[in-house]
């Protein structure tokens, strides 16, 4: 359940809030690898779709839903369709408000519960910047959290296709192993919204004391 809520928090804070109302933030690093160990991050804005009810679907269903996001980049505009799984109970009125506040060309709630966004390339670039910011904030919250008390640091590359997760554990427990699904969904969602599909999301779990890799996972090896 926590993996579904994790990705919902990231995506909903992007697609249901006005980018124009958010304050600008600087990048936490100018290198290819970004660290999320700093405690000085802003709290993401709560949104209607971040449901606290336990989903009934499986982790594989969540990953399949990510693949249903469709992004089409034209000469001047970017058009993308977000599946119903990530829209929750959002209404057309709420989407119209978001479109107006953000200056998007349109957001249409489709009959199947999905939503189609049309925006300029500049707006899409800003959206991706916001998605990066919110993804890093959610990774920050995982460190030393109630669910992952042994995590001491999480680093991700620029397109979230590679993660280094540092843990006090010598051997991963069940929750740490299951966290791989959250990282897979984060990386997959980020890249699909950016108009491409990641071939693989790679994870290295590193012991904090020895600095050695204790487990490595790849999303393309999932059955």
C-alpha atoms as a PDB file:
ATOM      1  CA  UNK A   1       0.000   0.000   0.000  1.00  0.00           C
ATOM      2  CA  UNK A   2       2.743   2.501   0.935  1.00  0.00           C
ATOM      3  CA  UNK A   3       4.325   2.202  -2.506  1.00  0.00           C
ATOM      4  CA  UNK A   4       1.078   3.237  -4.237  1.00  0.00           C
ATOM      5  CA  UNK A   5       0.607   6.166  -1.855  1.00  0.00           C
ATOM      6  CA  UNK A   6       4.246   7.155  -2.375  1.00  0.00           C
ATOM      7  CA  UNK A   7       3.883   7.573  -6.124  1.00  0.00           C
ATOM      8  CA  UNK A   8       0.423   9.152  -5.764  1.00  0.00           C
ATOM      9  CA  UNK A   9       1.882  11.822  -3.493  1.00  0.00           C
ATOM     10  CA  UNK A  10       4.557  12.615  -6.049  1.00  0.00           C
ATOM     11  CA  UNK A  11       2.342  12.727  -9.111  1.00  0.00           C
ATOM     12  CA  UNK A  12      -0.686  14.361  -7.507  1.00  0.00           C
ATOM     13  CA  UNK A  13       1.411  17.200  -6.118  1.00  0.00           C
ATOM     14  CA  UNK A  14       2.460  17.845  -9.713  1.00  0.00           C
ATOM     15  CA  UNK A  15      -0.641  17.431 -11.834  1.00  0.00           C
ATOM     16  CA  UNK A  16      -3.285  18.825  -9.471  1.00  0.00           C
ATOM     17  CA  UNK A  17      -1.538  21.985  -8.256  1.00  0.00           C
ATOM     18  CA  UNK A  18      -0.682  25.261  -9.932  1.00  0.00           C
ATOM     19  CA  UNK A  19       2.976  25.471 -10.841  1.00  0.00           C
ATOM     20  CA  UNK A  20       2.650  29.235 -10.923  1.00  0.00           C
ATOM     21  CA  UNK A  21       1.824  29.354  -7.213  1.00  0.00           C
ATOM     22  CA  UNK A  22       4.885  27.434  -6.098  1.00  0.00           C
ATOM     23  CA  UNK A  23       8.067  29.163  -5.020  1.00  0.00           C
ATOM     24  CA  UNK A  24      11.224  28.653  -7.055  1.00  0.00           C
ATOM     25  CA  UNK A  25      13.820  26.333  -5.555  1.00  0.00           C
ATOM     26  CA  UNK A  26      17.416  25.816  -6.511  1.00  0.00           C
ATOM     27  CA  UNK A  27      18.896  22.436  -7.364  1.00  0.00           C
ATOM     28  CA  UNK A  28      20.416  20.611  -4.416  1.00  0.00           C
ATOM     29  CA  UNK A  29      23.399  19.591  -6.510  1.00  0.00           C
ATOM     30  CA  UNK A  30      25.076  20.520  -9.787  1.00  0.00           C
ATOM     31  CA  UNK A  31      26.517  17.042 -10.217  1.00  0.00           C
ATOM     32  CA  UNK A  32      24.929  14.097 -12.040  1.00  0.00           C
ATOM     33  CA  UNK A  33      23.988  12.552  -8.681  1.00  0.00           C
ATOM     34  CA  UNK A  34      21.530  14.330  -6.361  1.00  0.00           C
ATOM     35  CA  UNK A  35      21.490  13.749  -2.599  1.00  0.00           C
ATOM     36  CA  UNK A  36      18.286  13.917  -0.610  1.00  0.00           C
ATOM     37  CA  UNK A  37      19.802  13.764   2.858  1.00  0.00           C
ATOM     38  CA  UNK A  38      19.210  17.475   3.628  1.00  0.00           C
ATOM     39  CA  UNK A  39      16.404  18.127   6.077  1.00  0.00           C
ATOM     40  CA  UNK A  40      15.540  21.564   4.667  1.00  0.00           C
ATOM     41  CA  UNK A  41      12.846  20.722   2.128  1.00  0.00           C
ATOM     42  CA  UNK A  42       9.374  22.141   1.595  1.00  0.00           C
ATOM     43  CA  UNK A  43       6.319  20.085   2.363  1.00  0.00           C
ATOM     44  CA  UNK A  44       4.478  19.065  -0.842  1.00  0.00           C
ATOM     45  CA  UNK A  45       0.995  20.489  -1.217  1.00  0.00           C
ATOM     46  CA  UNK A  46      -1.815  18.106  -0.265  1.00  0.00           C
ATOM     47  CA  UNK A  47      -4.105  17.181  -3.122  1.00  0.00           C
ATOM     48  CA  UNK A  48      -7.399  15.364  -3.632  1.00  0.00           C
ATOM     49  CA  UNK A  49      -5.976  12.261  -5.272  1.00  0.00           C
ATOM     50  CA  UNK A  50      -3.571  11.287  -2.490  1.00  0.00           C
ATOM     51  CA  UNK A  51      -6.084   8.862  -1.029  1.00  0.00           C
ATOM     52  CA  UNK A  52      -5.449   7.224   2.349  1.00  0.00           C
ATOM     53  CA  UNK A  53      -7.619   4.217   1.535  1.00  0.00           C
ATOM     54  CA  UNK A  54      -5.805   0.983   0.877  1.00  0.00           C
ATOM     55  CA  UNK A  55      -5.773   0.121  -2.847  1.00  0.00           C
ATOM     56  CA  UNK A  56      -6.930  -3.324  -3.823  1.00  0.00           C
ATOM     57  CA  UNK A  57      -4.654  -3.727  -6.818  1.00  0.00           C
ATOM     58  CA  UNK A  58      -1.188  -5.299  -6.893  1.00  0.00           C
ATOM     59  CA  UNK A  59       2.269  -3.751  -7.369  1.00  0.00           C
ATOM     60  CA  UNK A  60       2.346  -5.047 -10.928  1.00  0.00           C
ATOM     61  CA  UNK A  61      -0.959  -3.229 -11.582  1.00  0.00           C
ATOM     62  CA  UNK A  62       0.640  -0.003 -10.336  1.00  0.00           C
ATOM     63  CA  UNK A  63       3.562  -0.406 -12.721  1.00  0.00           C
ATOM     64  CA  UNK A  64       1.193  -1.198 -15.585  1.00  0.00           C
ATOM     65  CA  UNK A  65      -0.774   1.972 -14.832  1.00  0.00           C
ATOM     66  CA  UNK A  66       2.403   4.029 -15.171  1.00  0.00           C
ATOM     67  CA  UNK A  67       2.827   2.592 -18.639  1.00  0.00           C
ATOM     68  CA  UNK A  68      -0.617   3.916 -19.549  1.00  0.00           C
ATOM     69  CA  UNK A  69       0.596   7.522 -19.356  1.00  0.00           C
ATOM     70  CA  UNK A  70       0.803   8.829 -22.921  1.00  0.00           C
ATOM     71  CA  UNK A  71       3.016  11.800 -23.826  1.00  0.00           C
ATOM     72  CA  UNK A  72       3.063  13.423 -27.267  1.00  0.00           C
ATOM     73  CA  UNK A  73       5.523  16.251 -27.995  1.00  0.00           C
ATOM     74  CA  UNK A  74       4.607  18.452 -30.950  1.00  0.00           C
ATOM     75  CA  UNK A  75       6.394  21.478 -32.388  1.00  0.00           C
ATOM     76  CA  UNK A  76       4.890  23.940 -29.891  1.00  0.00           C
ATOM     77  CA  UNK A  77       2.789  21.924 -27.451  1.00  0.00           C
ATOM     78  CA  UNK A  78       3.036  18.863 -25.245  1.00  0.00           C
ATOM     79  CA  UNK A  79      -0.015  16.637 -24.841  1.00  0.00           C
ATOM     80  CA  UNK A  80      -0.213  13.869 -22.295  1.00  0.00           C
ATOM     81  CA  UNK A  81      -2.852  11.561 -20.908  1.00  0.00           C
ATOM     82  CA  UNK A  82      -2.843  10.530 -17.254  1.00  0.00           C
ATOM     83  CA  UNK A  83      -4.675   7.252 -16.493  1.00  0.00           C
ATOM     84  CA  UNK A  84      -7.665   7.138 -14.167  1.00  0.00           C
ATOM     85  CA  UNK A  85      -5.645   5.321 -11.496  1.00  0.00           C
ATOM     86  CA  UNK A  86      -3.774   8.549 -10.778  1.00  0.00           C
ATOM     87  CA  UNK A  87      -6.739  10.944 -11.018  1.00  0.00           C
ATOM     88  CA  UNK A  88      -8.744   9.745  -8.035  1.00  0.00           C
ATOM     89  CA  UNK A  89     -12.085  11.564  -7.648  1.00  0.00           C
ATOM     90  CA  UNK A  90     -10.922  14.737  -9.372  1.00  0.00           C
ATOM     91  CA  UNK A  91     -13.693  16.671 -11.148  1.00  0.00           C
ATOM     92  CA  UNK A  92     -13.638  18.667 -14.375  1.00  0.00           C
ATOM     93  CA  UNK A  93     -14.240  21.819 -12.339  1.00  0.00           C
ATOM     94  CA  UNK A  94     -11.076  21.179 -10.326  1.00  0.00           C
ATOM     95  CA  UNK A  95      -9.085  20.534 -13.482  1.00  0.00           C
ATOM     96  CA  UNK A  96     -10.435  23.708 -15.091  1.00  0.00           C
ATOM     97  CA  UNK A  97      -9.175  25.653 -12.077  1.00  0.00           C
ATOM     98  CA  UNK A  98      -5.733  24.056 -12.342  1.00  0.00           C
ATOM     99  CA  UNK A  99      -5.584  24.812 -16.073  1.00  0.00           C
ATOM    100  CA  UNK A 100      -6.533  28.446 -15.504  1.00  0.00           C
ATOM    101  CA  UNK A 101      -4.091  28.989 -12.626  1.00  0.00           C
ATOM    102  CA  UNK A 102      -1.251  27.234 -14.439  1.00  0.00           C
ATOM    103  CA  UNK A 103      -1.963  28.749 -17.841  1.00  0.00           C
ATOM    104  CA  UNK A 104      -2.300  25.344 -19.523  1.00  0.00           C
ATOM    105  CA  UNK A 105      -4.161  25.270 -22.836  1.00  0.00           C
ATOM    106  CA  UNK A 106      -6.617  22.715 -21.478  1.00  0.00           C
ATOM    107  CA  UNK A 107      -7.197  19.773 -19.143  1.00  0.00           C
ATOM    108  CA  UNK A 108     -10.034  17.456 -20.125  1.00  0.00           C
ATOM    109  CA  UNK A 109     -11.475  14.746 -17.876  1.00  0.00           C
ATOM    110  CA  UNK A 110     -12.235  11.789 -20.144  1.00  0.00           C
ATOM    111  CA  UNK A 111     -15.153   9.373 -19.823  1.00  0.00           C
ATOM    112  CA  UNK A 112     -12.867   6.586 -18.597  1.00  0.00           C
ATOM    113  CA  UNK A 113     -11.636   8.750 -15.696  1.00  0.00           C
ATOM    114  CA  UNK A 114      -8.324   9.629 -17.324  1.00  0.00           C
ATOM    115  CA  UNK A 115      -7.344  13.231 -18.052  1.00  0.00           C
ATOM    116  CA  UNK A 116      -5.727  14.809 -21.103  1.00  0.00           C
ATOM    117  CA  UNK A 117      -3.407  17.765 -20.548  1.00  0.00           C
ATOM    118  CA  UNK A 118      -2.266  20.179 -23.280  1.00  0.00           C
ATOM    119  CA  UNK A 119       0.438  22.714 -22.455  1.00  0.00           C
ATOM    120  CA  UNK A 120       3.320  24.579 -24.023  1.00  0.00           C
ATOM    121  CA  UNK A 121       6.818  23.122 -24.070  1.00  0.00           C
ATOM    122  CA  UNK A 122       7.932  25.762 -21.573  1.00  0.00           C
ATOM    123  CA  UNK A 123       5.141  24.743 -19.198  1.00  0.00           C
ATOM    124  CA  UNK A 124       6.051  21.079 -19.613  1.00  0.00           C
ATOM    125  CA  UNK A 125       9.671  21.864 -18.752  1.00  0.00           C
ATOM    126  CA  UNK A 126       8.506  23.638 -15.607  1.00  0.00           C
ATOM    127  CA  UNK A 127       6.275  20.680 -14.779  1.00  0.00           C
ATOM    128  CA  UNK A 128       9.275  18.354 -14.960  1.00  0.00           C
ATOM    129  CA  UNK A 129      11.236  20.670 -12.681  1.00  0.00           C
ATOM    130  CA  UNK A 130       8.387  20.481 -10.174  1.00  0.00           C
ATOM    131  CA  UNK A 131       8.274  16.700 -10.519  1.00  0.00           C
ATOM    132  CA  UNK A 132      12.002  16.524  -9.775  1.00  0.00           C
ATOM    133  CA  UNK A 133      11.556  18.711  -6.705  1.00  0.00           C
ATOM    134  CA  UNK A 134       8.624  16.690  -5.370  1.00  0.00           C
ATOM    135  CA  UNK A 135      10.328  13.351  -6.078  1.00  0.00           C
ATOM    136  CA  UNK A 136      13.357  14.446  -4.069  1.00  0.00           C
ATOM    137  CA  UNK A 137      11.121  15.618  -1.231  1.00  0.00           C
ATOM    138  CA  UNK A 138       9.426  12.223  -1.070  1.00  0.00           C
ATOM    139  CA  UNK A 139      12.787  10.432  -1.137  1.00  0.00           C
ATOM    140  CA  UNK A 140      13.884  12.682   1.724  1.00  0.00           C
ATOM    141  CA  UNK A 141      10.857  11.606   3.750  1.00  0.00           C
ATOM    142  CA  UNK A 142      11.790   7.945   3.355  1.00  0.00           C
ATOM    143  CA  UNK A 143      15.102   8.447   5.176  1.00  0.00           C
ATOM    144  CA  UNK A 144      14.893   7.291   8.822  1.00  0.00           C
ATOM    145  CA  UNK A 145      11.087   7.190   8.496  1.00  0.00           C
ATOM    146  CA  UNK A 146       8.767   4.899  10.419  1.00  0.00           C
ATOM    147  CA  UNK A 147       8.564   2.586   7.416  1.00  0.00           C
ATOM    148  CA  UNK A 148      12.303   2.679   6.663  1.00  0.00           C
ATOM    149  CA  UNK A 149      14.098   3.432   9.964  1.00  0.00           C
ATOM    150  CA  UNK A 150      17.435   2.046   8.722  1.00  0.00           C
ATOM    151  CA  UNK A 151      17.697   4.214   5.607  1.00  0.00           C
ATOM    152  CA  UNK A 152      20.364   6.888   6.137  1.00  0.00           C
ATOM    153  CA  UNK A 153      20.633   8.375   2.643  1.00  0.00           C
ATOM    154  CA  UNK A 154      19.129   8.104  -0.835  1.00  0.00           C
ATOM    155  CA  UNK A 155      20.795   9.389  -3.990  1.00  0.00           C
ATOM    156  CA  UNK A 156      19.326   9.439  -7.494  1.00  0.00           C
ATOM    157  CA  UNK A 157      20.727  10.401 -10.885  1.00  0.00           C
ATOM    158  CA  UNK A 158      19.183  13.194 -12.952  1.00  0.00           C
ATOM    159  CA  UNK A 159      16.502  11.095 -14.657  1.00  0.00           C
ATOM    160  CA  UNK A 160      15.762   8.808 -11.685  1.00  0.00           C
ATOM    161  CA  UNK A 161      16.903   5.648 -13.487  1.00  0.00           C
ATOM    162  CA  UNK A 162      19.577   4.840 -10.891  1.00  0.00           C
ATOM    163  CA  UNK A 163      19.344   4.944  -7.103  1.00  0.00           C
ATOM    164  CA  UNK A 164      21.821   4.415  -4.273  1.00  0.00           C
ATOM    165  CA  UNK A 165      20.054   3.621  -1.011  1.00  0.00           C
ATOM    166  CA  UNK A 166      22.264   3.606   2.095  1.00  0.00           C
ATOM    167  CA  UNK A 167      21.010   1.564   5.043  1.00  0.00           C
ATOM    168  CA  UNK A 168      22.232   0.506   8.474  1.00  0.00           C
ATOM    169  CA  UNK A 169      21.010  -3.001   7.689  1.00  0.00           C
ATOM    170  CA  UNK A 170      23.485  -5.760   6.918  1.00  0.00           C
ATOM    171  CA  UNK A 171      20.674  -7.653   5.201  1.00  0.00           C
ATOM    172  CA  UNK A 172      17.545  -6.049   3.784  1.00  0.00           C
ATOM    173  CA  UNK A 173      14.336  -6.628   5.687  1.00  0.00           C
ATOM    174  CA  UNK A 174      10.960  -7.077   3.982  1.00  0.00           C
ATOM    175  CA  UNK A 175      10.024  -3.388   3.967  1.00  0.00           C
ATOM    176  CA  UNK A 176      13.390  -2.427   2.506  1.00  0.00           C
ATOM    177  CA  UNK A 177      13.050  -5.049  -0.195  1.00  0.00           C
ATOM    178  CA  UNK A 178       9.533  -3.863  -1.025  1.00  0.00           C
ATOM    179  CA  UNK A 179      10.800  -0.277  -1.278  1.00  0.00           C
ATOM    180  CA  UNK A 180      12.266  -1.266  -4.642  1.00  0.00           C
ATOM    181  CA  UNK A 181       8.763  -1.022  -6.122  1.00  0.00           C
ATOM    182  CA  UNK A 182       8.501   2.616  -5.029  1.00  0.00           C
ATOM    183  CA  UNK A 183      11.787   3.463  -6.724  1.00  0.00           C
ATOM    184  CA  UNK A 184      10.743   1.608  -9.886  1.00  0.00           C
ATOM    185  CA  UNK A 185       7.458   3.532 -10.033  1.00  0.00           C
ATOM    186  CA  UNK A 186       9.131   6.863  -9.351  1.00  0.00           C
ATOM    187  CA  UNK A 187      11.682   6.358 -12.122  1.00  0.00           C
ATOM    188  CA  UNK A 188       9.127   4.986 -14.540  1.00  0.00           C
ATOM    189  CA  UNK A 189       6.648   7.799 -13.915  1.00  0.00           C
ATOM    190  CA  UNK A 190       9.267  10.542 -14.210  1.00  0.00           C
ATOM    191  CA  UNK A 191      10.572   9.285 -17.544  1.00  0.00           C
ATOM    192  CA  UNK A 192       7.157   8.675 -19.086  1.00  0.00           C
ATOM    193  CA  UNK A 193       6.012  12.184 -18.157  1.00  0.00           C
ATOM    194  CA  UNK A 194       9.213  13.385 -19.772  1.00  0.00           C
ATOM    195  CA  UNK A 195       8.193  11.749 -23.040  1.00  0.00           C
ATOM    196  CA  UNK A 196      10.304   8.611 -22.932  1.00  0.00           C
ATOM    197  CA  UNK A 197      10.159   5.206 -21.333  1.00  0.00           C
ATOM    198  CA  UNK A 198      13.039   4.042 -19.138  1.00  0.00           C
ATOM    199  CA  UNK A 199      14.415   0.673 -20.241  1.00  0.00           C
ATOM    200  CA  UNK A 200      15.566  -0.100 -16.717  1.00  0.00           C
ATOM    201  CA  UNK A 201      15.620   1.319 -13.187  1.00  0.00           C
ATOM    202  CA  UNK A 202      18.716   0.194 -11.276  1.00  0.00           C
ATOM    203  CA  UNK A 203      18.962   0.082  -7.476  1.00  0.00           C
ATOM    204  CA  UNK A 204      21.994  -0.393  -5.221  1.00  0.00           C
ATOM    205  CA  UNK A 205      21.415  -0.909  -1.500  1.00  0.00           C
ATOM    206  CA  UNK A 206      24.600   0.020   0.373  1.00  0.00           C
ATOM    207  CA  UNK A 207      25.581  -0.771   3.943  1.00  0.00           C
ATOM    208  CA  UNK A 208      26.259   2.479   5.798  1.00  0.00           C
ATOM    209  CA  UNK A 209      29.151   1.077   7.851  1.00  0.00           C
ATOM    210  CA  UNK A 210      31.099  -0.817   5.186  1.00  0.00           C
ATOM    211  CA  UNK A 211      30.105   1.198   2.119  1.00  0.00           C
ATOM    212  CA  UNK A 212      29.615  -2.067   0.243  1.00  0.00           C
ATOM    213  CA  UNK A 213      26.633  -3.002  -1.914  1.00  0.00           C
ATOM    214  CA  UNK A 214      24.529  -5.625  -0.146  1.00  0.00           C
ATOM    215  CA  UNK A 215      21.769  -5.932  -2.770  1.00  0.00           C
ATOM    216  CA  UNK A 216      21.207  -4.741  -6.339  1.00  0.00           C
ATOM    217  CA  UNK A 217      17.915  -4.797  -8.245  1.00  0.00           C
ATOM    218  CA  UNK A 218      16.879  -3.993 -11.811  1.00  0.00           C
ATOM    219  CA  UNK A 219      13.315  -3.305 -12.895  1.00  0.00           C
ATOM    220  CA  UNK A 220      13.805  -5.100 -16.216  1.00  0.00           C
ATOM    221  CA  UNK A 221      14.381  -8.337 -14.311  1.00  0.00           C
ATOM    222  CA  UNK A 222      10.950  -8.299 -12.662  1.00  0.00           C
ATOM    223  CA  UNK A 223       8.796 -11.270 -13.622  1.00  0.00           C
END
